[in-house]
PDB file of N, CA and C in Angstrom:
ATOM      1  N   MET A   1       0.849  -1.182   0.000  1.00  0.00           N
ATOM      2  CA  MET A   1       0.000   0.000   0.000  1.00  0.00           C
ATOM      3  C   MET A   1       0.891   1.241   0.000  1.00  0.00           C
ATOM      4  N   ALA A   2       0.609   2.134  -0.921  1.00  0.00           N
ATOM      5  CA  ALA A   2       1.353   3.390  -0.997  1.00  0.00           C
ATOM      6  C   ALA A   2       0.903   4.310   0.145  1.00  0.00           C
ATOM      7  N   SER A   3       1.782   5.197   0.553  1.00  0.00           N
ATOM      8  CA  SER A   3       1.467   6.123   1.636  1.00  0.00           C
ATOM      9  C   SER A   3       0.744   7.362   1.101  1.00  0.00           C
ATOM     10  N   VAL A   4       0.229   8.156   2.023  1.00  0.00           N
ATOM     11  CA  VAL A   4      -0.409   9.417   1.644  1.00  0.00           C
ATOM     12  C   VAL A   4       0.596  10.316   0.935  1.00  0.00           C
ATOM     13  N   ASP A   5       1.832  10.346   1.436  1.00  0.00           N
ATOM     14  CA  ASP A   5       2.867  11.167   0.796  1.00  0.00           C
ATOM     15  C   ASP A   5       3.172  10.696  -0.617  1.00  0.00           C
ATOM     16  N   GLU A   6       3.199   9.386  -0.846  1.00  0.00           N
ATOM     17  CA  GLU A   6       3.437   8.858  -2.187  1.00  0.00           C
ATOM     18  C   GLU A   6       2.293   9.228  -3.129  1.00  0.00           C
ATOM     19  N   CYS A   7       1.067   9.195  -2.627  1.00  0.00           N
ATOM     20  CA  CYS A   7      -0.085   9.596  -3.438  1.00  0.00           C
ATOM     21  C   CYS A   7      -0.026  11.081  -3.764  1.00  0.00           C
ATOM     22  N   ARG A   8       0.315  11.886  -2.777  1.00  0.00           N
ATOM     23  CA  ARG A   8       0.443  13.327  -2.987  1.00  0.00           C
ATOM     24  C   ARG A   8       1.520  13.598  -4.038  1.00  0.00           C
ATOM     25  N   GLN A   9       2.651  12.910  -3.915  1.00  0.00           N
ATOM     26  CA  GLN A   9       3.746  13.087  -4.867  1.00  0.00           C
ATOM     27  C   GLN A   9       3.319  12.660  -6.273  1.00  0.00           C
ATOM     28  N   ALA A  10       2.581  11.563  -6.375  1.00  0.00           N
ATOM     29  CA  ALA A  10       2.101  11.102  -7.685  1.00  0.00           C
ATOM     30  C   ALA A  10       1.205  12.149  -8.329  1.00  0.00           C
ATOM     31  N   LEU A  11       0.323  12.754  -7.549  1.00  0.00           N
ATOM     32  CA  LEU A  11      -0.562  13.784  -8.100  1.00  0.00           C
ATOM     33  C   LEU A  11       0.221  15.027  -8.521  1.00  0.00           C
ATOM     34  N   HIS A  12       1.249  15.380  -7.771  1.00  0.00           N
ATOM     35  CA  HIS A  12       2.085  16.515  -8.167  1.00  0.00           C
ATOM     36  C   HIS A  12       2.870  16.191  -9.440  1.00  0.00           C
ATOM     37  N   GLU A  13       3.298  14.932  -9.602  1.00  0.00           N
ATOM     38  CA  GLU A  13       3.967  14.511 -10.840  1.00  0.00           C
ATOM     39  C   GLU A  13       2.995  14.613 -12.019  1.00  0.00           C
ATOM     40  N   LEU A  14       1.746  14.194 -11.800  1.00  0.00           N
ATOM     41  CA  LEU A  14       0.733  14.311 -12.840  1.00  0.00           C
ATOM     42  C   LEU A  14       0.506  15.779 -13.201  1.00  0.00           C
ATOM     43  N   ALA A  15       0.417  16.630 -12.185  1.00  0.00           N
ATOM     44  CA  ALA A  15       0.220  18.060 -12.423  1.00  0.00           C
ATOM     45  C   ALA A  15       1.389  18.633 -13.232  1.00  0.00           C
ATOM     46  N   ALA A  16       2.612  18.224 -12.920  1.00  0.00           N
ATOM     47  CA  ALA A  16       3.788  18.706 -13.659  1.00  0.00           C
ATOM     48  C   ALA A  16       3.750  18.229 -15.103  1.00  0.00           C
ATOM     49  N   ARG A  17       3.351  16.983 -15.316  1.00  0.00           N
ATOM     50  CA  ARG A  17       3.258  16.446 -16.681  1.00  0.00           C
ATOM     51  C   ARG A  17       2.197  17.191 -17.484  1.00  0.00           C
ATOM     52  N   LEU A  18       1.042  17.436 -16.873  1.00  0.00           N
ATOM     53  CA  LEU A  18      -0.019  18.182 -17.557  1.00  0.00           C
ATOM     54  C   LEU A  18       0.434  19.609 -17.856  1.00  0.00           C
ATOM     55  N   ASP A  19       1.127  20.208 -16.906  1.00  0.00           N
ATOM     56  CA  ASP A  19       1.622  21.565 -17.098  1.00  0.00           C
ATOM     57  C   ASP A  19       2.590  21.628 -18.279  1.00  0.00           C
ATOM     58  N   HIS A  20       3.439  20.628 -18.390  1.00  0.00           N
ATOM     59  CA  HIS A  20       4.416  20.557 -19.487  1.00  0.00           C
ATOM     60  C   HIS A  20       3.719  20.453 -20.848  1.00  0.00           C
ATOM     61  N   ASN A  21       2.570  19.758 -20.892  1.00  0.00           N
ATOM     62  CA  ASN A  21       1.855  19.539 -22.152  1.00  0.00           C
ATOM     63  C   ASN A  21       0.698  20.515 -22.379  1.00  0.00           C
ATOM     64  N   ALA A  22       0.499  21.438 -21.465  1.00  0.00           N
ATOM     65  CA  ALA A  22      -0.684  22.307 -21.509  1.00  0.00           C
ATOM     66  C   ALA A  22      -0.788  23.134 -22.777  1.00  0.00           C
ATOM     67  N   GLU A  23       0.310  23.636 -23.272  1.00  0.00           N
ATOM     68  CA  GLU A  23       0.261  24.481 -24.470  1.00  0.00           C
ATOM     69  C   GLU A  23      -0.285  23.734 -25.678  1.00  0.00           C
ATOM     70  N   THR A  24       0.088  22.480 -25.840  1.00  0.00           N
ATOM     71  CA  THR A  24      -0.378  21.717 -26.995  1.00  0.00           C
ATOM     72  C   THR A  24      -1.797  21.200 -26.807  1.00  0.00           C
ATOM     73  N   VAL A  25      -2.225  21.035 -25.565  1.00  0.00           N
ATOM     74  CA  VAL A  25      -3.542  20.461 -25.280  1.00  0.00           C
ATOM     75  C   VAL A  25      -4.623  21.530 -25.170  1.00  0.00           C
ATOM     76  N   ARG A  26      -4.241  22.715 -24.749  1.00  0.00           N
ATOM     77  CA  ARG A  26      -5.215  23.768 -24.436  1.00  0.00           C
ATOM     78  C   ARG A  26      -6.213  24.019 -25.556  1.00  0.00           C
ATOM     79  N   GLU A  27      -5.750  24.027 -26.791  1.00  0.00           N
ATOM     80  CA  GLU A  27      -6.644  24.304 -27.917  1.00  0.00           C
ATOM     81  C   GLU A  27      -7.635  23.175 -28.159  1.00  0.00           C
ATOM     82  N   ARG A  28      -7.262  21.956 -27.816  1.00  0.00           N
ATOM     83  CA  ARG A  28      -8.130  20.789 -28.054  1.00  0.00           C
ATOM     84  C   ARG A  28      -9.065  20.504 -26.888  1.00  0.00           C
ATOM     85  N   VAL A  29      -8.702  20.948 -25.688  1.00  0.00           N
ATOM     86  CA  VAL A  29      -9.479  20.603 -24.506  1.00  0.00           C
ATOM     87  C   VAL A  29      -9.912  21.868 -23.779  1.00  0.00           C
ATOM     88  N   ASP A  30     -11.188  22.164 -23.857  1.00  0.00           N
ATOM     89  CA  ASP A  30     -11.764  23.289 -23.147  1.00  0.00           C
ATOM     90  C   ASP A  30     -12.443  22.733 -21.896  1.00  0.00           C
ATOM     91  N   LEU A  31     -11.691  22.650 -20.813  1.00  0.00           N
ATOM     92  CA  LEU A  31     -12.201  22.022 -19.600  1.00  0.00           C
ATOM     93  C   LEU A  31     -11.802  22.861 -18.397  1.00  0.00           C
ATOM     94  N   ASP A  32     -12.764  23.248 -17.599  1.00  0.00           N
ATOM     95  CA  ASP A  32     -12.510  23.983 -16.360  1.00  0.00           C
ATOM     96  C   ASP A  32     -13.430  23.390 -15.303  1.00  0.00           C
ATOM     97  N   ARG A  33     -12.891  22.434 -14.555  1.00  0.00           N
ATOM     98  CA  ARG A  33     -13.711  21.698 -13.591  1.00  0.00           C
ATOM     99  C   ARG A  33     -12.940  21.445 -12.309  1.00  0.00           C
ATOM    100  N   THR A  34     -13.675  21.380 -11.199  1.00  0.00           N
ATOM    101  CA  THR A  34     -13.080  20.957  -9.944  1.00  0.00           C
ATOM    102  C   THR A  34     -12.908  19.439  -9.976  1.00  0.00           C
ATOM    103  N   LEU A  35     -11.878  18.971  -9.303  1.00  0.00           N
ATOM    104  CA  LEU A  35     -11.525  17.550  -9.317  1.00  0.00           C
ATOM    105  C   LEU A  35     -11.254  17.083  -7.899  1.00  0.00           C
ATOM    106  N   ALA A  36     -11.808  15.939  -7.551  1.00  0.00           N
ATOM    107  CA  ALA A  36     -11.501  15.280  -6.284  1.00  0.00           C
ATOM    108  C   ALA A  36     -10.905  13.914  -6.587  1.00  0.00           C
ATOM    109  N   CYS A  37      -9.851  13.567  -5.881  1.00  0.00           N
ATOM    110  CA  CYS A  37      -9.225  12.256  -6.015  1.00  0.00           C
ATOM    111  C   CYS A  37      -9.303  11.589  -4.647  1.00  0.00           C
ATOM    112  N   ARG A  38     -10.116  10.562  -4.556  1.00  0.00           N
ATOM    113  CA  ARG A  38     -10.357   9.873  -3.287  1.00  0.00           C
ATOM    114  C   ARG A  38      -9.580   8.560  -3.249  1.00  0.00           C
ATOM    115  N   ILE A  39      -8.756   8.415  -2.221  1.00  0.00           N
ATOM    116  CA  ILE A  39      -7.918   7.237  -2.062  1.00  0.00           C
ATOM    117  C   ILE A  39      -8.624   6.303  -1.082  1.00  0.00           C
ATOM    118  N   THR A  40      -9.217   5.266  -1.621  1.00  0.00           N
ATOM    119  CA  THR A  40     -10.133   4.427  -0.848  1.00  0.00           C
ATOM    120  C   THR A  40      -9.472   3.656   0.285  1.00  0.00           C
ATOM    121  N   ASP A  41      -8.279   3.115   0.060  1.00  0.00           N
ATOM    122  CA  ASP A  41      -7.658   2.291   1.100  1.00  0.00           C
ATOM    123  C   ASP A  41      -7.001   3.116   2.207  1.00  0.00           C
ATOM    124  N   LEU A  42      -6.780   4.387   1.965  1.00  0.00           N
ATOM    125  CA  LEU A  42      -6.180   5.249   2.980  1.00  0.00           C
ATOM    126  C   LEU A  42      -7.200   6.153   3.661  1.00  0.00           C
ATOM    127  N   GLY A  43      -8.402   6.197   3.112  1.00  0.00           N
ATOM    128  CA  GLY A  43      -9.439   7.055   3.689  1.00  0.00           C
ATOM    129  C   GLY A  43      -9.074   8.537   3.615  1.00  0.00           C
ATOM    130  N   THR A  44      -8.396   8.914   2.542  1.00  0.00           N
ATOM    131  CA  THR A  44      -7.990  10.306   2.376  1.00  0.00           C
ATOM    132  C   THR A  44      -8.355  10.770   0.976  1.00  0.00           C
ATOM    133  N   ALA A  45      -8.194  12.043   0.744  1.00  0.00           N
ATOM    134  CA  ALA A  45      -8.542  12.595  -0.565  1.00  0.00           C
ATOM    135  C   ALA A  45      -7.701  13.834  -0.831  1.00  0.00           C
ATOM    136  N   PHE A  46      -7.681  14.216  -2.093  1.00  0.00           N
ATOM    137  CA  PHE A  46      -7.019  15.428  -2.551  1.00  0.00           C
ATOM    138  C   PHE A  46      -7.992  16.109  -3.510  1.00  0.00           C
ATOM    139  N   HIS A  47      -7.840  17.400  -3.671  1.00  0.00           N
ATOM    140  CA  HIS A  47      -8.677  18.087  -4.649  1.00  0.00           C
ATOM    141  C   HIS A  47      -7.902  19.230  -5.296  1.00  0.00           C
ATOM    142  N   GLY A  48      -8.398  19.597  -6.464  1.00  0.00           N
ATOM    143  CA  GLY A  48      -7.784  20.678  -7.222  1.00  0.00           C
ATOM    144  C   GLY A  48      -8.719  21.103  -8.332  1.00  0.00           C
ATOM    145  N   ARG A  49      -8.137  21.704  -9.349  1.00  0.00           N
ATOM    146  CA  ARG A  49      -8.931  22.204 -10.474  1.00  0.00           C
ATOM    147  C   ARG A  49      -8.204  21.887 -11.776  1.00  0.00           C
ATOM    148  N   LEU A  50      -8.953  21.339 -12.725  1.00  0.00           N
ATOM    149  CA  LEU A  50      -8.450  21.125 -14.078  1.00  0.00           C
ATOM    150  C   LEU A  50      -8.887  22.322 -14.910  1.00  0.00           C
ATOM    151  N   THR A  51      -7.920  23.045 -15.445  1.00  0.00           N
ATOM    152  CA  THR A  51      -8.237  24.202 -16.264  1.00  0.00           C
ATOM    153  C   THR A  51      -7.104  24.458 -17.254  1.00  0.00           C
ATOM    154  N   GLY A  52      -7.453  24.758 -18.480  1.00  0.00           N
ATOM    155  CA  GLY A  52      -6.455  25.045 -19.490  1.00  0.00           C
ATOM    156  C   GLY A  52      -5.453  23.929 -19.703  1.00  0.00           C
ATOM    157  N   GLY A  53      -5.880  22.697 -19.499  1.00  0.00           N
ATOM    158  CA  GLY A  53      -4.980  21.565 -19.659  1.00  0.00           C
ATOM    159  C   GLY A  53      -4.052  21.348 -18.478  1.00  0.00           C
ATOM    160  N   ARG A  54      -4.264  22.094 -17.405  1.00  0.00           N
ATOM    161  CA  ARG A  54      -3.415  22.004 -16.215  1.00  0.00           C
ATOM    162  C   ARG A  54      -4.222  21.519 -15.010  1.00  0.00           C
ATOM    163  N   LEU A  55      -3.519  20.929 -14.056  1.00  0.00           N
ATOM    164  CA  LEU A  55      -4.078  20.574 -12.752  1.00  0.00           C
ATOM    165  C   LEU A  55      -3.477  21.557 -11.760  1.00  0.00           C
ATOM    166  N   ILE A  56      -4.315  22.454 -11.228  1.00  0.00           N
ATOM    167  CA  ILE A  56      -3.820  23.516 -10.350  1.00  0.00           C
ATOM    168  C   ILE A  56      -4.499  23.444  -8.988  1.00  0.00           C
ATOM    169  N   ASP A  57      -3.959  24.208  -8.063  1.00  0.00           N
ATOM    170  CA  ASP A  57      -4.514  24.334  -6.707  1.00  0.00           C
ATOM    171  C   ASP A  57      -4.693  22.982  -6.033  1.00  0.00           C
ATOM    172  N   LEU A  58      -3.774  22.069  -6.251  1.00  0.00           N
ATOM    173  CA  LEU A  58      -3.847  20.732  -5.681  1.00  0.00           C
ATOM    174  C   LEU A  58      -3.556  20.801  -4.183  1.00  0.00           C
ATOM    175  N   THR A  59      -4.467  20.270  -3.393  1.00  0.00           N
ATOM    176  CA  THR A  59      -4.323  20.321  -1.947  1.00  0.00           C
ATOM    177  C   THR A  59      -4.961  19.103  -1.299  1.00  0.00           C
ATOM    178  N   ASP A  60      -4.646  18.883  -0.044  1.00  0.00           N
ATOM    179  CA  ASP A  60      -5.218  17.765   0.711  1.00  0.00           C
ATOM    180  C   ASP A  60      -6.684  18.038   1.028  1.00  0.00           C
ATOM    181  N   GLY A  61      -7.448  16.967   1.169  1.00  0.00           N
ATOM    182  CA  GLY A  61      -8.851  17.071   1.547  1.00  0.00           C
ATOM    183  C   GLY A  61      -9.781  16.808   0.376  1.00  0.00           C
ATOM    184  N   ASP A  62     -10.998  16.466   0.714  1.00  0.00           N
ATOM    185  CA  ASP A  62     -12.006  16.148  -0.288  1.00  0.00           C
ATOM    186  C   ASP A  62     -12.767  17.400  -0.688  1.00  0.00           C
ATOM    187  N   ASP A  63     -13.355  17.357  -1.846  1.00  0.00           N
ATOM    188  CA  ASP A  63     -14.288  18.382  -2.311  1.00  0.00           C
ATOM    189  C   ASP A  63     -15.555  17.647  -2.715  1.00  0.00           C
ATOM    190  N   PRO A  64     -16.521  17.535  -1.809  1.00  0.00           N
ATOM    191  CA  PRO A  64     -17.732  16.776  -2.119  1.00  0.00           C
ATOM    192  C   PRO A  64     -18.535  17.340  -3.283  1.00  0.00           C
ATOM    193  N   LYS A  65     -18.290  18.595  -3.652  1.00  0.00           N
ATOM    194  CA  LYS A  65     -19.014  19.212  -4.764  1.00  0.00           C
ATOM    195  C   LYS A  65     -18.218  19.187  -6.066  1.00  0.00           C
ATOM    196  N   ALA A  66     -17.105  18.468  -6.091  1.00  0.00           N
ATOM    197  CA  ALA A  66     -16.263  18.421  -7.289  1.00  0.00           C
ATOM    198  C   ALA A  66     -17.055  17.893  -8.478  1.00  0.00           C
ATOM    199  N   LYS A  67     -16.843  18.498  -9.628  1.00  0.00           N
ATOM    200  CA  LYS A  67     -17.539  18.084 -10.852  1.00  0.00           C
ATOM    201  C   LYS A  67     -16.996  16.772 -11.394  1.00  0.00           C
ATOM    202  N   ILE A  68     -15.721  16.474 -11.097  1.00  0.00           N
ATOM    203  CA  ILE A  68     -15.100  15.217 -11.505  1.00  0.00           C
ATOM    204  C   ILE A  68     -14.529  14.569 -10.251  1.00  0.00           C
ATOM    205  N   ALA A  69     -14.880  13.302 -10.023  1.00  0.00           N
ATOM    206  CA  ALA A  69     -14.388  12.582  -8.848  1.00  0.00           C
ATOM    207  C   ALA A  69     -13.782  11.252  -9.283  1.00  0.00           C
ATOM    208  N   LEU A  70     -12.547  11.056  -8.893  1.00  0.00           N
ATOM    209  CA  LEU A  70     -11.832   9.821  -9.178  1.00  0.00           C
ATOM    210  C   LEU A  70     -11.627   9.097  -7.857  1.00  0.00           C
ATOM    211  N   SER A  71     -11.969   7.813  -7.809  1.00  0.00           N
ATOM    212  CA  SER A  71     -11.765   6.996  -6.618  1.00  0.00           C
ATOM    213  C   SER A  71     -10.932   5.785  -6.996  1.00  0.00           C
ATOM    214  N   THR A  72      -9.905   5.512  -6.202  1.00  0.00           N
ATOM    215  CA  THR A  72      -9.025   4.390  -6.469  1.00  0.00           C
ATOM    216  C   THR A  72      -8.201   4.074  -5.228  1.00  0.00           C
ATOM    217  N   SER A  73      -7.480   2.975  -5.275  1.00  0.00           N
ATOM    218  CA  SER A  73      -6.580   2.637  -4.174  1.00  0.00           C
ATOM    219  C   SER A  73      -5.278   3.411  -4.343  1.00  0.00           C
ATOM    220  N   SER A  74      -4.521   3.473  -3.284  1.00  0.00           N
ATOM    221  CA  SER A  74      -3.252   4.197  -3.321  1.00  0.00           C
ATOM    222  C   SER A  74      -2.285   3.585  -4.337  1.00  0.00           C
ATOM    223  N   ASP A  75      -2.172   2.265  -4.352  1.00  0.00           N
ATOM    224  CA  ASP A  75      -1.263   1.601  -5.291  1.00  0.00           C
ATOM    225  C   ASP A  75      -1.688   1.836  -6.736  1.00  0.00           C
ATOM    226  N   ASP A  76      -2.987   1.796  -6.991  1.00  0.00           N
ATOM    227  CA  ASP A  76      -3.467   2.010  -8.354  1.00  0.00           C
ATOM    228  C   ASP A  76      -3.250   3.454  -8.807  1.00  0.00           C
ATOM    229  N   LEU A  77      -3.396   4.412  -7.904  1.00  0.00           N
ATOM    230  CA  LEU A  77      -3.124   5.804  -8.264  1.00  0.00           C
ATOM    231  C   LEU A  77      -1.667   5.964  -8.686  1.00  0.00           C
ATOM    232  N   VAL A  78      -0.768   5.440  -7.887  1.00  0.00           N
ATOM    233  CA  VAL A  78       0.659   5.541  -8.201  1.00  0.00           C
ATOM    234  C   VAL A  78       0.962   4.843  -9.530  1.00  0.00           C
ATOM    235  N   ALA A  79       0.375   3.664  -9.746  1.00  0.00           N
ATOM    236  CA  ALA A  79       0.596   2.924 -10.993  1.00  0.00           C
ATOM    237  C   ALA A  79       0.043   3.684 -12.196  1.00  0.00           C
ATOM    238  N   LEU A  80      -1.105   4.328 -12.042  1.00  0.00           N
ATOM    239  CA  LEU A  80      -1.678   5.130 -13.132  1.00  0.00           C
ATOM    240  C   LEU A  80      -0.744   6.265 -13.531  1.00  0.00           C
ATOM    241  N   VAL A  81      -0.263   6.984 -12.547  1.00  0.00           N
ATOM    242  CA  VAL A  81       0.590   8.141 -12.828  1.00  0.00           C
ATOM    243  C   VAL A  81       1.911   7.699 -13.449  1.00  0.00           C
ATOM    244  N   ARG A  82       2.449   6.585 -12.999  1.00  0.00           N
ATOM    245  CA  ARG A  82       3.715   6.075 -13.553  1.00  0.00           C
ATOM    246  C   ARG A  82       3.544   5.484 -14.950  1.00  0.00           C
ATOM    247  N   GLY A  83       2.302   5.216 -15.335  1.00  0.00           N
ATOM    248  CA  GLY A  83       2.046   4.620 -16.634  1.00  0.00           C
ATOM    249  C   GLY A  83       2.056   3.106 -16.612  1.00  0.00           C
ATOM    250  N   ASP A  84       2.076   2.523 -15.415  1.00  0.00           N
ATOM    251  CA  ASP A  84       2.082   1.067 -15.271  1.00  0.00           C
ATOM    252  C   ASP A  84       0.682   0.468 -15.336  1.00  0.00           C
ATOM    253  N   LEU A  85      -0.344   1.312 -15.256  1.00  0.00           N
ATOM    254  CA  LEU A  85      -1.737   0.862 -15.285  1.00  0.00           C
ATOM    255  C   LEU A  85      -2.487   1.715 -16.298  1.00  0.00           C
ATOM    256  N   ASP A  86      -3.110   1.076 -17.259  1.00  0.00           N
ATOM    257  CA  ASP A  86      -3.884   1.759 -18.286  1.00  0.00           C
ATOM    258  C   ASP A  86      -5.211   2.228 -17.701  1.00  0.00           C
ATOM    259  N   ILE A  87      -5.540   3.494 -17.901  1.00  0.00           N
ATOM    260  CA  ILE A  87      -6.763   4.055 -17.324  1.00  0.00           C
ATOM    261  C   ILE A  87      -8.014   3.362 -17.846  1.00  0.00           C
ATOM    262  N   GLY A  88      -8.052   3.042 -19.117  1.00  0.00           N
ATOM    263  CA  GLY A  88      -9.222   2.361 -19.679  1.00  0.00           C
ATOM    264  C   GLY A  88      -9.441   0.996 -19.049  1.00  0.00           C
ATOM    265  N   ARG A  89      -8.382   0.242 -18.926  1.00  0.00           N
ATOM    266  CA  ARG A  89      -8.490  -1.082 -18.299  1.00  0.00           C
ATOM    267  C   ARG A  89      -8.814  -0.973 -16.816  1.00  0.00           C
ATOM    268  N   ALA A  90      -8.248   0.035 -16.165  1.00  0.00           N
ATOM    269  CA  ALA A  90      -8.508   0.220 -14.739  1.00  0.00           C
ATOM    270  C   ALA A  90      -9.978   0.553 -14.486  1.00  0.00           C
ATOM    271  N   VAL A  91     -10.557   1.372 -15.330  1.00  0.00           N
ATOM    272  CA  VAL A  91     -11.976   1.710 -15.193  1.00  0.00           C
ATOM    273  C   VAL A  91     -12.836   0.492 -15.517  1.00  0.00           C
ATOM    274  N   ALA A  92     -12.490  -0.221 -16.586  1.00  0.00           N
ATOM    275  CA  ALA A  92     -13.263  -1.395 -16.992  1.00  0.00           C
ATOM    276  C   ALA A  92     -13.241  -2.482 -15.923  1.00  0.00           C
ATOM    277  N   SER A  93     -12.123  -2.618 -15.226  1.00  0.00           N
ATOM    278  CA  SER A  93     -12.017  -3.646 -14.189  1.00  0.00           C
ATOM    279  C   SER A  93     -12.453  -3.123 -12.818  1.00  0.00           C
ATOM    280  N   ARG A  94     -12.915  -1.884 -12.766  1.00  0.00           N
ATOM    281  CA  ARG A  94     -13.420  -1.241 -11.553  1.00  0.00           C
ATOM    282  C   ARG A  94     -12.344  -1.003 -10.498  1.00  0.00           C
ATOM    283  N   ARG A  95     -11.114  -0.938 -10.930  1.00  0.00           N
ATOM    284  CA  ARG A  95     -10.034  -0.562 -10.024  1.00  0.00           C
ATOM    285  C   ARG A  95     -10.019   0.946  -9.836  1.00  0.00           C
ATOM    286  N   VAL A  96     -10.594   1.645 -10.805  1.00  0.00           N
ATOM    287  CA  VAL A  96     -10.717   3.095 -10.768  1.00  0.00           C
ATOM    288  C   VAL A  96     -12.157   3.449 -11.113  1.00  0.00           C
ATOM    289  N   SER A  97     -12.706   4.378 -10.364  1.00  0.00           N
ATOM    290  CA  SER A  97     -14.052   4.873 -10.631  1.00  0.00           C
ATOM    291  C   SER A  97     -13.946   6.371 -10.918  1.00  0.00           C
ATOM    292  N   ILE A  98     -14.548   6.791 -12.024  1.00  0.00           N
ATOM    293  CA  ILE A  98     -14.571   8.213 -12.360  1.00  0.00           C
ATOM    294  C   ILE A  98     -16.014   8.643 -12.502  1.00  0.00           C
ATOM    295  N   LYS A  99     -16.399   9.628 -11.701  1.00  0.00           N
ATOM    296  CA  LYS A  99     -17.747  10.184 -11.792  1.00  0.00           C
ATOM    297  C   LYS A  99     -17.641  11.572 -12.407  1.00  0.00           C
ATOM    298  N   ALA A 100     -18.257  11.697 -13.565  1.00  0.00           N
ATOM    299  CA  ALA A 100     -18.268  12.966 -14.287  1.00  0.00           C
ATOM    300  C   ALA A 100     -19.346  12.877 -15.351  1.00  0.00           C
ATOM    301  N   ASN A 101     -19.746  14.016 -15.876  1.00  0.00           N
ATOM    302  CA  ASN A 101     -20.733  13.941 -16.949  1.00  0.00           C
ATOM    303  C   ASN A 101     -20.036  13.399 -18.205  1.00  0.00           C
ATOM    304  N   PRO A 102     -20.782  12.796 -19.111  1.00  0.00           N
ATOM    305  CA  PRO A 102     -20.182  12.147 -20.287  1.00  0.00           C
ATOM    306  C   PRO A 102     -19.321  13.078 -21.147  1.00  0.00           C
ATOM    307  N   PHE A 103     -19.693  14.334 -21.259  1.00  0.00           N
ATOM    308  CA  PHE A 103     -18.911  15.274 -22.068  1.00  0.00           C
ATOM    309  C   PHE A 103     -17.549  15.537 -21.420  1.00  0.00           C
ATOM    310  N   ASP A 104     -17.535  15.640 -20.091  1.00  0.00           N
ATOM    311  CA  ASP A 104     -16.268  15.826 -19.388  1.00  0.00           C
ATOM    312  C   ASP A 104     -15.383  14.598 -19.520  1.00  0.00           C
ATOM    313  N   LEU A 105     -15.974  13.416 -19.500  1.00  0.00           N
ATOM    314  CA  LEU A 105     -15.196  12.185 -19.668  1.00  0.00           C
ATOM    315  C   LEU A 105     -14.501  12.158 -21.032  1.00  0.00           C
ATOM    316  N   MET A 106     -15.192  12.595 -22.066  1.00  0.00           N
ATOM    317  CA  MET A 106     -14.582  12.634 -23.398  1.00  0.00           C
ATOM    318  C   MET A 106     -13.413  13.625 -23.426  1.00  0.00           C
ATOM    319  N   LYS A 107     -13.568  14.753 -22.772  1.00  0.00           N
ATOM    320  CA  LYS A 107     -12.493  15.744 -22.728  1.00  0.00           C
ATOM    321  C   LYS A 107     -11.309  15.231 -21.904  1.00  0.00           C
ATOM    322  N   LEU A 108     -11.598  14.509 -20.823  1.00  0.00           N
ATOM    323  CA  LEU A 108     -10.525  13.946 -20.002  1.00  0.00           C
ATOM    324  C   LEU A 108      -9.659  12.976 -20.792  1.00  0.00           C
ATOM    325  N   ARG A 109     -10.282  12.214 -21.665  1.00  0.00           N
ATOM    326  CA  ARG A 109      -9.527  11.257 -22.486  1.00  0.00           C
ATOM    327  C   ARG A 109      -8.460  11.966 -23.309  1.00  0.00           C
ATOM    328  N   LYS A 110      -8.752  13.178 -23.756  1.00  0.00           N
ATOM    329  CA  LYS A 110      -7.783  13.931 -24.552  1.00  0.00           C
ATOM    330  C   LYS A 110      -6.600  14.395 -23.704  1.00  0.00           C
ATOM    331  N   LEU A 111      -6.845  14.613 -22.410  1.00  0.00           N
ATOM    332  CA  LEU A 111      -5.764  15.033 -21.507  1.00  0.00           C
ATOM    333  C   LEU A 111      -4.839  13.869 -21.182  1.00  0.00           C
ATOM    334  N   LEU A 112      -5.410  12.673 -21.080  1.00  0.00           N
ATOM    335  CA  LEU A 112      -4.631  11.516 -20.675  1.00  0.00           C
ATOM    336  C   LEU A 112      -4.164  10.797 -21.896  1.00  0.00           C
TER     337      LEU A 112
END
C-alpha cells in the first residue's frame, strides 16, 4: 500500500506532466472543472482544479461538490501516474471509478 505522501507526490507529478503539455492540449481541450481524487484504502482525498490543460490548486482534503471525482486505491493511483496501469483497463475492471458527466469524460480522455 502506498502512503499518503506517495499519493500526494504522484498527483504533483501528474500536475507537472499536464503543465508541461498544456500548451499543446489547451486548444483541443476546453475544460474547467473541480476535481476530487479519493484514495479508498487510505481514507484520504485530494482536490484541485483542471483548467487550461493544467491541474492547479492541488491540496489535501475532499471536495464533495467536485464536478469530476476519481476513486481508487493508493497503489493504483501511483501505478496510473507512472504509466504502469492503463486508465481504460482500470476503469473497466473497476479498479478506478470516475464520476463525471459524459462530455467531461470525453475531454478527459484527450488530456490523458
